[in-house]
Amino acid sequence: MSKKILSILGISIALFTVSALVTPVFGLEKIRVTWQKGKTTIGSTQKGPWRTLKSGMTVTVGSFIKTDKNSRVELAMPDNSIIRLGSDTLFEVNQALFPQDKLRRFSSRLYIGKMWARITSVFGGRRGSFNTSTPTAVAGVRGTTYNLKAGADRSTEISVYEGKVGVGPPLIVEGGPKEEMVWPIQVSEKKWEEIILGKLQRLYIGPDGEPGKPESFDPLQEKDEWVIENQKRDSLKQ
């Protein structure tokens, strides 16, 4: 597998649309909490200590976010991209660079739970990278909408609603030595070619890291409360 392919491996979810009422604030690594439901906590390590995360607070690189049952939290990036975390989710921010005149670089990890992403496509003709890893895959997007699930059994499911997502094993090469995710060796050593998911396509990756085949889905038949809730919130921001 070439470095070019590895550099865009991933599983991600995002939207092309951006709120025209919010002005991007570039050059900041801080992420804002713009909406919350239920109890959400933040910590500097995967095991805490944890403190309550509230609307209006900021999240910095290296932070872990944990949601309780029936909880939700919405995070806004400096470029107006949006990430929402569902209940019983553990999420980590690894990198968040949004310089005005350079490529943006954002990376995160979804250890378990659900994440909905609405990622802006381009600002000033520049894109950069926007990646999220799970125990069995990495997702890289550039302007798209997707739903990402990381199961307790280490399985992964991604559904793309807008745009395209490049999906690959948990291994990234970005102009330097490879970075392997902190997962079991048998998972991180899985080698499979990058899979490109288009609009209204879904992919399931098993606990062993083996991907299935992309399948089409009908968004009008979606009965998942999590999906419906996010679609409603997205419509309010357009």
C-alpha atoms as a PDB file:
ATOM      1  CA  MET A   1       0.000   0.000   0.000  1.00  0.00           C
ATOM      2  CA  SER A   2       1.457   3.349  -1.001  1.00  0.00           C
ATOM      3  CA  LYS A   3       2.103   6.215   1.405  1.00  0.00           C
ATOM      4  CA  LYS A   4      -0.312   8.303  -0.634  1.00  0.00           C
ATOM      5  CA  ILE A   5      -3.085   5.846   0.073  1.00  0.00           C
ATOM      6  CA  LEU A   6      -2.182   5.475   3.742  1.00  0.00           C
ATOM      7  CA  SER A   7      -2.186   9.213   4.224  1.00  0.00           C
ATOM      8  CA  ILE A   8      -5.912   9.433   3.535  1.00  0.00           C
ATOM      9  CA  LEU A   9      -7.073   6.318   5.344  1.00  0.00           C
ATOM     10  CA  GLY A  10     -10.024   6.736   7.525  1.00  0.00           C
ATOM     11  CA  ILE A  11     -13.578   6.648   8.623  1.00  0.00           C
ATOM     12  CA  SER A  12     -15.312   9.988   8.944  1.00  0.00           C
ATOM     13  CA  ILE A  13     -18.582  11.766   8.744  1.00  0.00           C
ATOM     14  CA  ALA A  14     -19.235  15.377   7.769  1.00  0.00           C
ATOM     15  CA  LEU A  15     -21.297  17.967   5.894  1.00  0.00           C
ATOM     16  CA  PHE A  16     -20.572  20.412   3.086  1.00  0.00           C
ATOM     17  CA  THR A  17     -22.834  23.077   4.501  1.00  0.00           C
ATOM     18  CA  VAL A  18     -21.689  25.756   6.930  1.00  0.00           C
ATOM     19  CA  SER A  19     -23.579  28.321   8.921  1.00  0.00           C
ATOM     20  CA  ALA A  20     -23.356  31.650   7.136  1.00  0.00           C
ATOM     21  CA  LEU A  21     -24.102  33.461  10.357  1.00  0.00           C
ATOM     22  CA  VAL A  22     -20.924  32.370  12.120  1.00  0.00           C
ATOM     23  CA  THR A  23     -17.567  33.861  11.177  1.00  0.00           C
ATOM     24  CA  PRO A  24     -14.658  31.369  11.176  1.00  0.00           C
ATOM     25  CA  VAL A  25     -11.968  32.020  13.775  1.00  0.00           C
ATOM     26  CA  PHE A  26      -8.745  30.630  12.357  1.00  0.00           C
ATOM     27  CA  GLY A  27      -5.432  30.068  14.077  1.00  0.00           C
ATOM     28  CA  LEU A  28      -6.966  28.698  17.274  1.00  0.00           C
ATOM     29  CA  GLU A  29      -6.641  25.158  18.571  1.00  0.00           C
ATOM     30  CA  LYS A  30      -9.566  25.547  20.945  1.00  0.00           C
ATOM     31  CA  ILE A  31     -12.871  23.867  20.262  1.00  0.00           C
ATOM     32  CA  ARG A  32     -16.107  25.324  21.668  1.00  0.00           C
ATOM     33  CA  VAL A  33     -18.968  23.443  23.307  1.00  0.00           C
ATOM     34  CA  THR A  34     -22.054  24.903  21.617  1.00  0.00           C
ATOM     35  CA  TRP A  35     -24.813  22.565  22.805  1.00  0.00           C
ATOM     36  CA  GLN A  36     -25.278  19.920  25.458  1.00  0.00           C
ATOM     37  CA  LYS A  37     -27.878  17.506  26.773  1.00  0.00           C
ATOM     38  CA  GLY A  38     -27.429  15.375  29.887  1.00  0.00           C
ATOM     39  CA  LYS A  39     -24.111  14.919  31.672  1.00  0.00           C
ATOM     40  CA  THR A  40     -20.786  15.225  29.841  1.00  0.00           C
ATOM     41  CA  THR A  41     -17.340  15.227  31.453  1.00  0.00           C
ATOM     42  CA  ILE A  42     -13.826  16.119  30.312  1.00  0.00           C
ATOM     43  CA  GLY A  43     -10.429  14.863  31.473  1.00  0.00           C
ATOM     44  CA  SER A  44      -6.747  15.010  30.583  1.00  0.00           C
ATOM     45  CA  THR A  45      -6.342  11.207  30.492  1.00  0.00           C
ATOM     46  CA  GLN A  46      -8.498   8.281  29.425  1.00  0.00           C
ATOM     47  CA  LYS A  47      -9.161   7.449  33.079  1.00  0.00           C
ATOM     48  CA  GLY A  48      -9.770  11.009  34.266  1.00  0.00           C
ATOM     49  CA  PRO A  49      -9.963  12.700  36.688  1.00  0.00           C
ATOM     50  CA  TRP A  50     -13.180  14.025  35.191  1.00  0.00           C
ATOM     51  CA  ARG A  51     -14.874  17.389  35.530  1.00  0.00           C
ATOM     52  CA  THR A  52     -18.216  18.566  34.175  1.00  0.00           C
ATOM     53  CA  LEU A  53     -18.216  19.950  30.625  1.00  0.00           C
ATOM     54  CA  LYS A  54     -20.769  22.688  29.964  1.00  0.00           C
ATOM     55  CA  SER A  55     -21.919  24.805  27.025  1.00  0.00           C
ATOM     56  CA  GLY A  56     -19.594  27.733  26.378  1.00  0.00           C
ATOM     57  CA  MET A  57     -16.497  25.916  27.622  1.00  0.00           C
ATOM     58  CA  THR A  58     -13.514  25.160  25.380  1.00  0.00           C
ATOM     59  CA  VAL A  59     -11.840  21.844  24.608  1.00  0.00           C
ATOM     60  CA  THR A  60      -8.106  21.730  23.866  1.00  0.00           C
ATOM     61  CA  VAL A  61      -5.788  19.185  22.259  1.00  0.00           C
ATOM     62  CA  GLY A  62      -5.182  16.155  24.474  1.00  0.00           C
ATOM     63  CA  SER A  63      -8.621  16.301  26.087  1.00  0.00           C
ATOM     64  CA  PHE A  64     -10.836  13.261  26.590  1.00  0.00           C
ATOM     65  CA  ILE A  65     -14.612  13.700  26.492  1.00  0.00           C
ATOM     66  CA  LYS A  66     -16.997  11.186  28.043  1.00  0.00           C
ATOM     67  CA  THR A  67     -20.785  11.213  27.800  1.00  0.00           C
ATOM     68  CA  ASP A  68     -23.228   9.430  30.094  1.00  0.00           C
ATOM     69  CA  LYS A  69     -26.390   7.556  29.165  1.00  0.00           C
ATOM     70  CA  ASN A  70     -28.874   9.708  27.208  1.00  0.00           C
ATOM     71  CA  SER A  71     -26.270  12.497  26.920  1.00  0.00           C
ATOM     72  CA  ARG A  72     -25.284  14.566  23.874  1.00  0.00           C
ATOM     73  CA  VAL A  73     -22.662  17.217  23.258  1.00  0.00           C
ATOM     74  CA  GLU A  74     -21.892  19.421  20.247  1.00  0.00           C
ATOM     75  CA  LEU A  75     -18.390  20.714  19.483  1.00  0.00           C
ATOM     76  CA  ALA A  76     -17.709  23.588  17.063  1.00  0.00           C
ATOM     77  CA  MET A  77     -14.342  23.906  15.315  1.00  0.00           C
ATOM     78  CA  PRO A  78     -12.678  27.221  14.384  1.00  0.00           C
ATOM     79  CA  ASP A  79     -13.558  26.551  10.711  1.00  0.00           C
ATOM     80  CA  ASN A  80     -17.258  25.994  11.569  1.00  0.00           C
ATOM     81  CA  SER A  81     -17.083  22.211  11.309  1.00  0.00           C
ATOM     82  CA  ILE A  82     -19.339  20.448  13.813  1.00  0.00           C
ATOM     83  CA  ILE A  83     -18.896  17.203  15.753  1.00  0.00           C
ATOM     84  CA  ARG A  84     -21.611  15.721  17.958  1.00  0.00           C
ATOM     85  CA  LEU A  85     -21.102  12.862  20.391  1.00  0.00           C
ATOM     86  CA  GLY A  86     -23.891  10.511  21.431  1.00  0.00           C
ATOM     87  CA  SER A  87     -24.508   8.733  24.730  1.00  0.00           C
ATOM     88  CA  ASP A  88     -21.966   6.391  26.352  1.00  0.00           C
ATOM     89  CA  THR A  89     -19.148   7.740  24.192  1.00  0.00           C
ATOM     90  CA  LEU A  90     -15.419   8.199  24.841  1.00  0.00           C
ATOM     91  CA  PHE A  91     -13.679  10.639  22.483  1.00  0.00           C
ATOM     92  CA  GLU A  92     -10.182  12.168  22.349  1.00  0.00           C
ATOM     93  CA  VAL A  93      -8.889  15.257  20.532  1.00  0.00           C
ATOM     94  CA  ASN A  94      -5.384  14.518  19.206  1.00  0.00           C
ATOM     95  CA  GLN A  95      -4.701  17.509  16.959  1.00  0.00           C
ATOM     96  CA  ALA A  96      -6.524  20.731  16.094  1.00  0.00           C
ATOM     97  CA  LEU A  97      -4.738  23.259  13.909  1.00  0.00           C
ATOM     98  CA  PHE A  98      -6.753  25.830  11.963  1.00  0.00           C
ATOM     99  CA  PRO A  99      -4.306  28.467  10.622  1.00  0.00           C
ATOM    100  CA  GLN A 100      -5.864  31.036   8.315  1.00  0.00           C
ATOM    101  CA  ASP A 101      -3.284  30.786   5.528  1.00  0.00           C
ATOM    102  CA  LYS A 102      -2.286  27.132   5.829  1.00  0.00           C
ATOM    103  CA  LEU A 103      -3.834  23.681   5.665  1.00  0.00           C
ATOM    104  CA  ARG A 104      -6.015  22.729   8.619  1.00  0.00           C
ATOM    105  CA  ARG A 105      -5.137  19.564  10.484  1.00  0.00           C
ATOM    106  CA  PHE A 106      -7.560  17.833  12.834  1.00  0.00           C
ATOM    107  CA  SER A 107      -7.369  14.312  14.228  1.00  0.00           C
ATOM    108  CA  SER A 108      -9.345  12.522  16.921  1.00  0.00           C
ATOM    109  CA  ARG A 109     -10.185   9.073  18.286  1.00  0.00           C
ATOM    110  CA  LEU A 110     -13.569   7.543  18.925  1.00  0.00           C
ATOM    111  CA  TYR A 111     -12.843   4.782  21.423  1.00  0.00           C
ATOM    112  CA  ILE A 112     -16.465   3.751  21.825  1.00  0.00           C
ATOM    113  CA  GLY A 113     -19.851   5.286  21.111  1.00  0.00           C
ATOM    114  CA  LYS A 114     -21.345   7.442  18.355  1.00  0.00           C
ATOM    115  CA  MET A 115     -20.113  10.518  16.521  1.00  0.00           C
ATOM    116  CA  TRP A 116     -21.873  12.684  13.943  1.00  0.00           C
ATOM    117  CA  ALA A 117     -19.658  15.020  11.930  1.00  0.00           C
ATOM    118  CA  ARG A 118     -20.486  17.919   9.655  1.00  0.00           C
ATOM    119  CA  ILE A 119     -17.147  18.959   8.181  1.00  0.00           C
ATOM    120  CA  THR A 120     -16.741  22.086   6.071  1.00  0.00           C
ATOM    121  CA  SER A 121     -15.265  21.519   2.633  1.00  0.00           C
ATOM    122  CA  VAL A 122     -13.057  24.492   1.822  1.00  0.00           C
ATOM    123  CA  PHE A 123     -12.117  27.884   3.245  1.00  0.00           C
ATOM    124  CA  GLY A 124     -10.023  30.128   1.032  1.00  0.00           C
ATOM    125  CA  GLY A 125      -9.379  27.248  -1.367  1.00  0.00           C
ATOM    126  CA  ARG A 126      -7.537  25.232   1.284  1.00  0.00           C
ATOM    127  CA  ARG A 127      -8.563  21.937   2.845  1.00  0.00           C
ATOM    128  CA  GLY A 128      -5.967  19.998   4.822  1.00  0.00           C
ATOM    129  CA  SER A 129      -6.878  16.869   6.777  1.00  0.00           C
ATOM    130  CA  PHE A 130      -9.744  15.921   9.075  1.00  0.00           C
ATOM    131  CA  ASN A 131      -9.360  12.395  10.450  1.00  0.00           C
ATOM    132  CA  THR A 132     -11.032  10.262  13.118  1.00  0.00           C
ATOM    133  CA  SER A 133      -9.858   6.810  14.200  1.00  0.00           C
ATOM    134  CA  THR A 134     -11.758   3.933  15.817  1.00  0.00           C
ATOM    135  CA  PRO A 135     -10.393   0.624  17.154  1.00  0.00           C
ATOM    136  CA  THR A 136     -10.541  -0.880  13.660  1.00  0.00           C
ATOM    137  CA  ALA A 137     -10.292   1.971  11.147  1.00  0.00           C
ATOM    138  CA  VAL A 138      -9.368   5.556  10.375  1.00  0.00           C
ATOM    139  CA  ALA A 139     -11.622   7.946   8.474  1.00  0.00           C
ATOM    140  CA  GLY A 140     -10.462  10.935   6.472  1.00  0.00           C
ATOM    141  CA  VAL A 141     -12.863  13.496   5.005  1.00  0.00           C
ATOM    142  CA  ARG A 142     -12.890  16.845   3.223  1.00  0.00           C
ATOM    143  CA  GLY A 143     -16.343  18.323   3.334  1.00  0.00           C
ATOM    144  CA  THR A 144     -18.963  15.685   4.005  1.00  0.00           C
ATOM    145  CA  THR A 145     -21.622  14.434   6.453  1.00  0.00           C
ATOM    146  CA  TYR A 146     -21.340  11.067   8.124  1.00  0.00           C
ATOM    147  CA  ASN A 147     -22.340   8.961  11.120  1.00  0.00           C
ATOM    148  CA  LEU A 148     -19.618   6.948  12.858  1.00  0.00           C
ATOM    149  CA  LYS A 149     -20.161   4.172  15.397  1.00  0.00           C
ATOM    150  CA  ALA A 150     -17.511   2.347  17.445  1.00  0.00           C
ATOM    151  CA  GLY A 151     -18.983  -0.712  19.147  1.00  0.00           C
ATOM    152  CA  ALA A 152     -18.034  -2.221  22.489  1.00  0.00           C
ATOM    153  CA  ASP A 153     -16.838  -5.267  20.508  1.00  0.00           C
ATOM    154  CA  ARG A 154     -14.396  -2.997  18.565  1.00  0.00           C
ATOM    155  CA  SER A 155     -16.507  -3.080  15.413  1.00  0.00           C
ATOM    156  CA  THR A 156     -16.966   0.060  13.315  1.00  0.00           C
ATOM    157  CA  GLU A 157     -19.813   1.297  11.152  1.00  0.00           C
ATOM    158  CA  ILE A 158     -19.797   4.398   8.993  1.00  0.00           C
ATOM    159  CA  SER A 159     -22.665   5.890   7.018  1.00  0.00           C
ATOM    160  CA  VAL A 160     -22.013   8.723   4.565  1.00  0.00           C
ATOM    161  CA  TYR A 161     -24.809  11.233   3.956  1.00  0.00           C
ATOM    162  CA  GLU A 162     -22.927  13.803   1.873  1.00  0.00           C
ATOM    163  CA  GLY A 163     -19.559  13.837   0.116  1.00  0.00           C
ATOM    164  CA  LYS A 164     -16.960  11.063   0.135  1.00  0.00           C
ATOM    165  CA  VAL A 165     -14.980   9.332   2.869  1.00  0.00           C
ATOM    166  CA  GLY A 166     -11.751   7.366   2.524  1.00  0.00           C
ATOM    167  CA  VAL A 167     -11.750   4.345   4.857  1.00  0.00           C
ATOM    168  CA  GLY A 168      -8.742   2.250   5.813  1.00  0.00           C
ATOM    169  CA  PRO A 169      -7.084   0.304   8.663  1.00  0.00           C
ATOM    170  CA  PRO A 170      -5.828   2.111  11.803  1.00  0.00           C
ATOM    171  CA  LEU A 171      -2.534   3.203  10.307  1.00  0.00           C
ATOM    172  CA  ILE A 172      -1.657   6.715   9.085  1.00  0.00           C
ATOM    173  CA  VAL A 173       1.312   8.032   7.164  1.00  0.00           C
ATOM    174  CA  GLU A 174       1.396  11.801   6.746  1.00  0.00           C
ATOM    175  CA  GLY A 175       4.740  12.805   5.303  1.00  0.00           C
ATOM    176  CA  GLY A 176       6.733  10.988   7.931  1.00  0.00           C
ATOM    177  CA  PRO A 177       7.170   7.716   9.841  1.00  0.00           C
ATOM    178  CA  LYS A 178       4.035   5.672  10.298  1.00  0.00           C
ATOM    179  CA  GLU A 179       1.923   6.195  13.378  1.00  0.00           C
ATOM    180  CA  GLU A 180       0.180   3.094  14.646  1.00  0.00           C
ATOM    181  CA  MET A 181      -2.924   3.457  16.762  1.00  0.00           C
ATOM    182  CA  VAL A 182      -2.977   2.028  20.274  1.00  0.00           C
ATOM    183  CA  TRP A 183      -5.039  -1.015  19.449  1.00  0.00           C
ATOM    184  CA  PRO A 184      -4.319  -4.789  19.639  1.00  0.00           C
ATOM    185  CA  ILE A 185      -1.536  -5.875  17.283  1.00  0.00           C
ATOM    186  CA  GLN A 186      -3.819  -8.236  15.395  1.00  0.00           C
ATOM    187  CA  VAL A 187      -6.030  -5.271  14.516  1.00  0.00           C
ATOM    188  CA  SER A 188      -3.368  -2.666  13.697  1.00  0.00           C
ATOM    189  CA  GLU A 189      -1.575  -5.153  11.420  1.00  0.00           C
ATOM    190  CA  LYS A 190      -4.615  -5.662   9.232  1.00  0.00           C
ATOM    191  CA  LYS A 191      -3.730  -4.557   5.717  1.00  0.00           C
ATOM    192  CA  TRP A 192      -6.519  -3.786   3.269  1.00  0.00           C
ATOM    193  CA  GLU A 193      -6.799  -1.347   0.434  1.00  0.00           C
ATOM    194  CA  GLU A 194      -8.484   1.982   0.963  1.00  0.00           C
ATOM    195  CA  ILE A 195     -12.245   1.940   0.435  1.00  0.00           C
ATOM    196  CA  ILE A 196     -13.936   5.077  -0.895  1.00  0.00           C
ATOM    197  CA  LEU A 197     -17.485   5.542   0.341  1.00  0.00           C
ATOM    198  CA  GLY A 198     -19.766   7.861  -1.600  1.00  0.00           C
ATOM    199  CA  LYS A 199     -23.031   9.543  -0.717  1.00  0.00           C
ATOM    200  CA  LEU A 200     -25.595   7.204   0.895  1.00  0.00           C
ATOM    201  CA  GLN A 201     -23.156   4.333   1.315  1.00  0.00           C
ATOM    202  CA  ARG A 202     -22.473   2.383   4.512  1.00  0.00           C
ATOM    203  CA  LEU A 203     -19.564   0.174   5.573  1.00  0.00           C
ATOM    204  CA  TYR A 204     -19.222  -2.263   8.476  1.00  0.00           C
ATOM    205  CA  ILE A 205     -15.816  -3.338   9.809  1.00  0.00           C
ATOM    206  CA  GLY A 206     -15.782  -6.333  12.138  1.00  0.00           C
ATOM    207  CA  PRO A 207     -14.061  -6.621  15.540  1.00  0.00           C
ATOM    208  CA  ASP A 208     -11.156  -8.386  13.791  1.00  0.00           C
ATOM    209  CA  GLY A 209     -10.572  -5.349  11.567  1.00  0.00           C
ATOM    210  CA  GLU A 210     -11.916  -7.042   8.433  1.00  0.00           C
ATOM    211  CA  PRO A 211     -14.138  -4.751   6.306  1.00  0.00           C
ATOM    212  CA  GLY A 212     -17.322  -5.858   4.601  1.00  0.00           C
ATOM    213  CA  LYS A 213     -18.565  -4.522   1.285  1.00  0.00           C
ATOM    214  CA  PRO A 214     -20.031  -1.020   0.928  1.00  0.00           C
ATOM    215  CA  GLU A 215     -23.826  -1.057   0.829  1.00  0.00           C
ATOM    216  CA  SER A 216     -26.307   1.585  -0.241  1.00  0.00           C
ATOM    217  CA  PHE A 217     -28.960   2.827   2.187  1.00  0.00           C
ATOM    218  CA  ASP A 218     -32.101   4.950   1.996  1.00  0.00           C
ATOM    219  CA  PRO A 219     -31.977   7.953   4.367  1.00  0.00           C
ATOM    220  CA  LEU A 220     -35.785   8.185   4.255  1.00  0.00           C
ATOM    221  CA  GLN A 221     -35.967   4.777   5.905  1.00  0.00           C
ATOM    222  CA  GLU A 222     -33.711   5.770   8.791  1.00  0.00           C
ATOM    223  CA  LYS A 223     -35.427   5.145  12.122  1.00  0.00           C
ATOM    224  CA  ASP A 224     -32.400   5.710  14.336  1.00  0.00           C
ATOM    225  CA  GLU A 225     -33.286   8.436  16.862  1.00  0.00           C
ATOM    226  CA  TRP A 226     -29.635   9.552  16.918  1.00  0.00           C
ATOM    227  CA  VAL A 227     -29.603  10.099  13.140  1.00  0.00           C
ATOM    228  CA  ILE A 228     -32.954  11.906  13.094  1.00  0.00           C
ATOM    229  CA  GLU A 229     -31.870  14.217  15.919  1.00  0.00           C
ATOM    230  CA  ASN A 230     -28.660  15.174  14.123  1.00  0.00           C
ATOM    231  CA  GLN A 231     -30.417  15.804  10.833  1.00  0.00           C
ATOM    232  CA  LYS A 232     -32.786  18.182  12.609  1.00  0.00           C
ATOM    233  CA  ARG A 233     -29.931  20.062  14.285  1.00  0.00           C
ATOM    234  CA  ASP A 234     -28.070  20.316  10.979  1.00  0.00           C
ATOM    235  CA  SER A 235     -31.138  21.828   9.315  1.00  0.00           C
ATOM    236  CA  LEU A 236     -31.246  24.539  11.993  1.00  0.00           C
ATOM    237  CA  LYS A 237     -27.656  25.538  11.218  1.00  0.00           C
ATOM    238  CA  GLN A 238     -28.068  25.931   7.471  1.00  0.00           C
END
